[in-house]
Amino acid sequence: MPIHYIGYMPTTYELPLAPVDDHRPLADKMRPKNFGEVLGQEHVLSKDSLFIKALDSGTVPSVIFWGPPGCGKTTIARLIAD
């Protein structure tokens, strides 16, 4: 619904800015923020896995994530990068 102004039209500097998060896709907003929020992939993300031990030690080897769409490849890669 458009906003109608009578008599005075505010400049763009006077209009409230929408938060940046409003423009992100829903999937990006819902993406896990840490490894504890990732569902599934227990064989890779369990405390005893070689992958988590490598992350904890600070020596992340070169890794290729392979799998169908939506299985968490990008999410895990982003969590490693952060």
N, C-alpha and C. Protein backbone atom coordinates (compact mmCIF):
# COMPACT_ATOMS: atom_id res chain seq x y z
N MET A 1 0.84 -1.17 0.00
CA MET A 1 0.00 0.00 0.00
C MET A 1 0.89 1.23 0.00
N PRO A 2 0.74 2.13 -0.95
CA PRO A 2 1.60 3.30 -1.04
C PRO A 2 1.31 4.28 0.09
N ILE A 3 2.34 5.04 0.46
CA ILE A 3 2.20 6.08 1.47
C ILE A 3 1.88 7.38 0.77
N HIS A 4 0.85 8.07 1.23
CA HIS A 4 0.45 9.34 0.62
C HIS A 4 0.83 10.48 1.56
N TYR A 5 1.55 11.44 1.04
CA TYR A 5 1.94 12.62 1.80
C TYR A 5 1.13 13.81 1.32
N ILE A 6 0.62 14.59 2.25
CA ILE A 6 -0.16 15.78 1.89
C ILE A 6 0.66 17.01 2.25
N GLY A 7 0.99 17.81 1.26
CA GLY A 7 1.65 19.09 1.50
C GLY A 7 3.16 19.00 1.60
N TYR A 8 3.71 18.00 2.27
CA TYR A 8 5.16 17.92 2.49
C TYR A 8 5.65 16.55 2.06
N MET A 9 6.63 16.54 1.22
CA MET A 9 7.23 15.27 0.78
C MET A 9 8.62 15.17 1.40
N PRO A 10 8.85 14.21 2.29
CA PRO A 10 10.17 14.09 2.91
C PRO A 10 11.22 13.67 1.88
N THR A 11 12.45 14.08 2.14
CA THR A 11 13.55 13.66 1.27
C THR A 11 13.92 12.22 1.60
N THR A 12 14.73 11.63 0.76
CA THR A 12 15.14 10.25 1.01
C THR A 12 15.98 10.13 2.27
N TYR A 13 16.61 11.22 2.70
CA TYR A 13 17.42 11.18 3.93
C TYR A 13 16.54 11.18 5.17
N GLU A 14 15.30 11.61 5.04
CA GLU A 14 14.39 11.68 6.18
C GLU A 14 13.53 10.43 6.32
N LEU A 15 13.48 9.60 5.30
CA LEU A 15 12.67 8.39 5.37
C LEU A 15 13.41 7.33 6.18
N PRO A 16 12.69 6.53 6.96
CA PRO A 16 13.36 5.46 7.72
C PRO A 16 13.91 4.40 6.77
N LEU A 17 15.08 3.90 7.11
CA LEU A 17 15.72 2.87 6.28
C LEU A 17 15.29 1.50 6.76
N ALA A 18 15.04 0.61 5.83
CA ALA A 18 14.71 -0.77 6.17
C ALA A 18 16.00 -1.49 6.55
N PRO A 19 15.92 -2.39 7.54
CA PRO A 19 17.12 -3.15 7.89
C PRO A 19 17.64 -3.94 6.68
N VAL A 20 18.93 -4.12 6.62
CA VAL A 20 19.55 -4.83 5.50
C VAL A 20 19.04 -6.26 5.41
N ASP A 21 18.76 -6.89 6.54
CA ASP A 21 18.31 -8.28 6.56
C ASP A 21 16.99 -8.48 5.81
N ASP A 22 16.19 -7.43 5.67
CA ASP A 22 14.90 -7.59 5.00
C ASP A 22 15.06 -7.96 3.53
N HIS A 23 16.21 -7.72 2.95
CA HIS A 23 16.40 -7.97 1.53
C HIS A 23 17.06 -9.32 1.25
N ARG A 24 17.39 -10.06 2.31
CA ARG A 24 18.01 -11.36 2.10
C ARG A 24 16.93 -12.41 1.85
N PRO A 25 17.24 -13.45 1.08
CA PRO A 25 16.29 -14.55 0.88
C PRO A 25 16.01 -15.26 2.21
N LEU A 26 14.85 -15.86 2.33
CA LEU A 26 14.47 -16.55 3.56
C LEU A 26 15.47 -17.65 3.91
N ALA A 27 15.94 -18.39 2.91
CA ALA A 27 16.90 -19.46 3.18
C ALA A 27 18.17 -18.91 3.82
N ASP A 28 18.59 -17.72 3.42
CA ASP A 28 19.78 -17.11 4.00
C ASP A 28 19.52 -16.63 5.42
N LYS A 29 18.33 -16.13 5.70
CA LYS A 29 17.98 -15.70 7.05
C LYS A 29 17.92 -16.88 8.01
N MET A 30 17.49 -18.04 7.51
CA MET A 30 17.30 -19.22 8.35
C MET A 30 18.56 -20.08 8.47
N ARG A 31 19.60 -19.73 7.73
CA ARG A 31 20.83 -20.51 7.71
C ARG A 31 21.44 -20.59 9.11
N PRO A 32 21.90 -21.76 9.56
CA PRO A 32 22.52 -21.89 10.89
C PRO A 32 23.70 -20.94 11.06
N LYS A 33 23.84 -20.41 12.29
CA LYS A 33 24.91 -19.46 12.60
C LYS A 33 26.14 -20.14 13.20
N ASN A 34 25.99 -21.39 13.65
CA ASN A 34 27.12 -22.14 14.20
C ASN A 34 26.89 -23.63 13.95
N PHE A 35 27.91 -24.43 14.21
CA PHE A 35 27.80 -25.87 13.93
C PHE A 35 26.75 -26.55 14.79
N GLY A 36 26.47 -26.02 15.97
CA GLY A 36 25.45 -26.60 16.84
C GLY A 36 24.05 -26.49 16.28
N GLU A 37 23.81 -25.53 15.40
CA GLU A 37 22.49 -25.33 14.80
C GLU A 37 22.28 -26.17 13.54
N VAL A 38 23.33 -26.79 13.02
CA VAL A 38 23.22 -27.59 11.79
C VAL A 38 22.52 -28.91 12.13
N LEU A 39 21.46 -29.22 11.39
CA LEU A 39 20.75 -30.48 11.58
C LEU A 39 21.27 -31.49 10.57
N GLY A 40 21.44 -32.70 11.02
CA GLY A 40 21.96 -33.74 10.13
C GLY A 40 23.48 -33.68 10.06
N GLN A 41 24.05 -34.45 9.19
CA GLN A 41 25.49 -34.50 8.98
C GLN A 41 26.25 -34.88 10.25
N GLU A 42 25.64 -35.71 11.10
CA GLU A 42 26.29 -36.09 12.36
C GLU A 42 27.62 -36.78 12.14
N HIS A 43 27.74 -37.52 11.04
CA HIS A 43 28.99 -38.22 10.77
C HIS A 43 30.14 -37.25 10.50
N VAL A 44 29.81 -36.03 10.09
CA VAL A 44 30.85 -35.02 9.81
C VAL A 44 31.01 -34.07 10.99
N LEU A 45 29.92 -33.76 11.69
CA LEU A 45 29.93 -32.70 12.69
C LEU A 45 29.91 -33.18 14.13
N SER A 46 30.05 -34.48 14.37
CA SER A 46 30.08 -34.95 15.75
C SER A 46 31.40 -34.56 16.41
N LYS A 47 31.39 -34.48 17.72
CA LYS A 47 32.59 -34.05 18.46
C LYS A 47 33.80 -34.96 18.21
N ASP A 48 33.55 -36.22 17.91
CA ASP A 48 34.64 -37.18 17.71
C ASP A 48 35.09 -37.30 16.26
N SER A 49 34.48 -36.55 15.35
CA SER A 49 34.84 -36.69 13.93
C SER A 49 36.19 -36.02 13.64
N LEU A 50 36.89 -36.55 12.66
CA LEU A 50 38.18 -35.98 12.27
C LEU A 50 38.03 -34.55 11.78
N PHE A 51 36.91 -34.25 11.16
CA PHE A 51 36.66 -32.92 10.62
C PHE A 51 36.60 -31.88 11.74
N ILE A 52 35.85 -32.15 12.79
CA ILE A 52 35.73 -31.21 13.91
C ILE A 52 37.05 -31.11 14.67
N LYS A 53 37.76 -32.23 14.80
CA LYS A 53 39.07 -32.19 15.46
C LYS A 53 40.04 -31.33 14.68
N ALA A 54 39.99 -31.40 13.35
CA ALA A 54 40.85 -30.55 12.51
C ALA A 54 40.47 -29.08 12.66
N LEU A 55 39.19 -28.78 12.71
CA LEU A 55 38.75 -27.39 12.90
C LEU A 55 39.20 -26.86 14.26
N ASP A 56 39.05 -27.68 15.28
CA ASP A 56 39.45 -27.26 16.63
C ASP A 56 40.95 -27.02 16.74
N SER A 57 41.72 -27.78 15.99
CA SER A 57 43.18 -27.61 16.05
C SER A 57 43.65 -26.45 15.17
N GLY A 58 42.76 -25.93 14.33
CA GLY A 58 43.11 -24.80 13.47
C GLY A 58 43.77 -25.19 12.17
N THR A 59 43.83 -26.47 11.87
CA THR A 59 44.43 -26.92 10.61
C THR A 59 43.34 -27.55 9.75
N VAL A 60 42.69 -26.73 8.95
CA VAL A 60 41.62 -27.23 8.08
C VAL A 60 42.24 -27.65 6.75
N PRO A 61 42.11 -28.91 6.41
CA PRO A 61 42.67 -29.37 5.13
C PRO A 61 41.80 -28.90 3.96
N SER A 62 42.29 -29.07 2.76
CA SER A 62 41.46 -28.81 1.58
C SER A 62 40.32 -29.82 1.58
N VAL A 63 39.12 -29.32 1.34
CA VAL A 63 37.94 -30.17 1.42
C VAL A 63 37.07 -29.92 0.19
N ILE A 64 36.51 -30.98 -0.36
CA ILE A 64 35.51 -30.86 -1.42
C ILE A 64 34.21 -31.39 -0.87
N PHE A 65 33.19 -30.53 -0.82
CA PHE A 65 31.87 -30.95 -0.38
C PHE A 65 31.07 -31.37 -1.60
N TRP A 66 30.51 -32.56 -1.53
CA TRP A 66 29.75 -33.09 -2.65
C TRP A 66 28.44 -33.64 -2.11
N GLY A 67 27.35 -33.38 -2.80
CA GLY A 67 26.07 -33.93 -2.39
C GLY A 67 24.94 -33.23 -3.11
N PRO A 68 23.73 -33.69 -2.87
CA PRO A 68 22.56 -33.10 -3.55
C PRO A 68 22.26 -31.71 -3.00
N PRO A 69 21.47 -30.93 -3.73
CA PRO A 69 21.10 -29.60 -3.26
C PRO A 69 20.38 -29.68 -1.91
N GLY A 70 20.71 -28.75 -1.05
CA GLY A 70 20.02 -28.66 0.24
C GLY A 70 20.57 -29.53 1.34
N CYS A 71 21.70 -30.20 1.13
CA CYS A 71 22.21 -31.10 2.17
C CYS A 71 23.14 -30.39 3.15
N GLY A 72 23.48 -29.11 2.89
CA GLY A 72 24.28 -28.37 3.86
C GLY A 72 25.69 -28.02 3.43
N LYS A 73 26.03 -28.25 2.19
CA LYS A 73 27.41 -27.99 1.72
C LYS A 73 27.80 -26.52 1.91
N THR A 74 26.97 -25.62 1.42
CA THR A 74 27.28 -24.19 1.49
C THR A 74 27.26 -23.71 2.94
N THR A 75 26.32 -24.20 3.72
CA THR A 75 26.25 -23.80 5.12
C THR A 75 27.51 -24.17 5.88
N ILE A 76 27.97 -25.40 5.71
CA ILE A 76 29.19 -25.84 6.40
C ILE A 76 30.40 -25.06 5.91
N ALA A 77 30.48 -24.80 4.61
CA ALA A 77 31.60 -24.02 4.08
C ALA A 77 31.60 -22.60 4.65
N ARG A 78 30.43 -21.99 4.76
CA ARG A 78 30.35 -20.65 5.33
C ARG A 78 30.72 -20.63 6.81
N LEU A 79 30.31 -21.66 7.54
CA LEU A 79 30.66 -21.73 8.96
C LEU A 79 32.17 -21.90 9.15
N ILE A 80 32.81 -22.65 8.27
CA ILE A 80 34.27 -22.80 8.34
C ILE A 80 34.94 -21.46 8.04
N ALA A 81 34.43 -20.75 7.05
CA ALA A 81 35.04 -19.48 6.65
C ALA A 81 34.90 -18.42 7.74
N ASP A 82 33.82 -18.48 8.49
CA ASP A 82 33.61 -17.49 9.56
C ASP A 82 34.41 -17.86 10.76
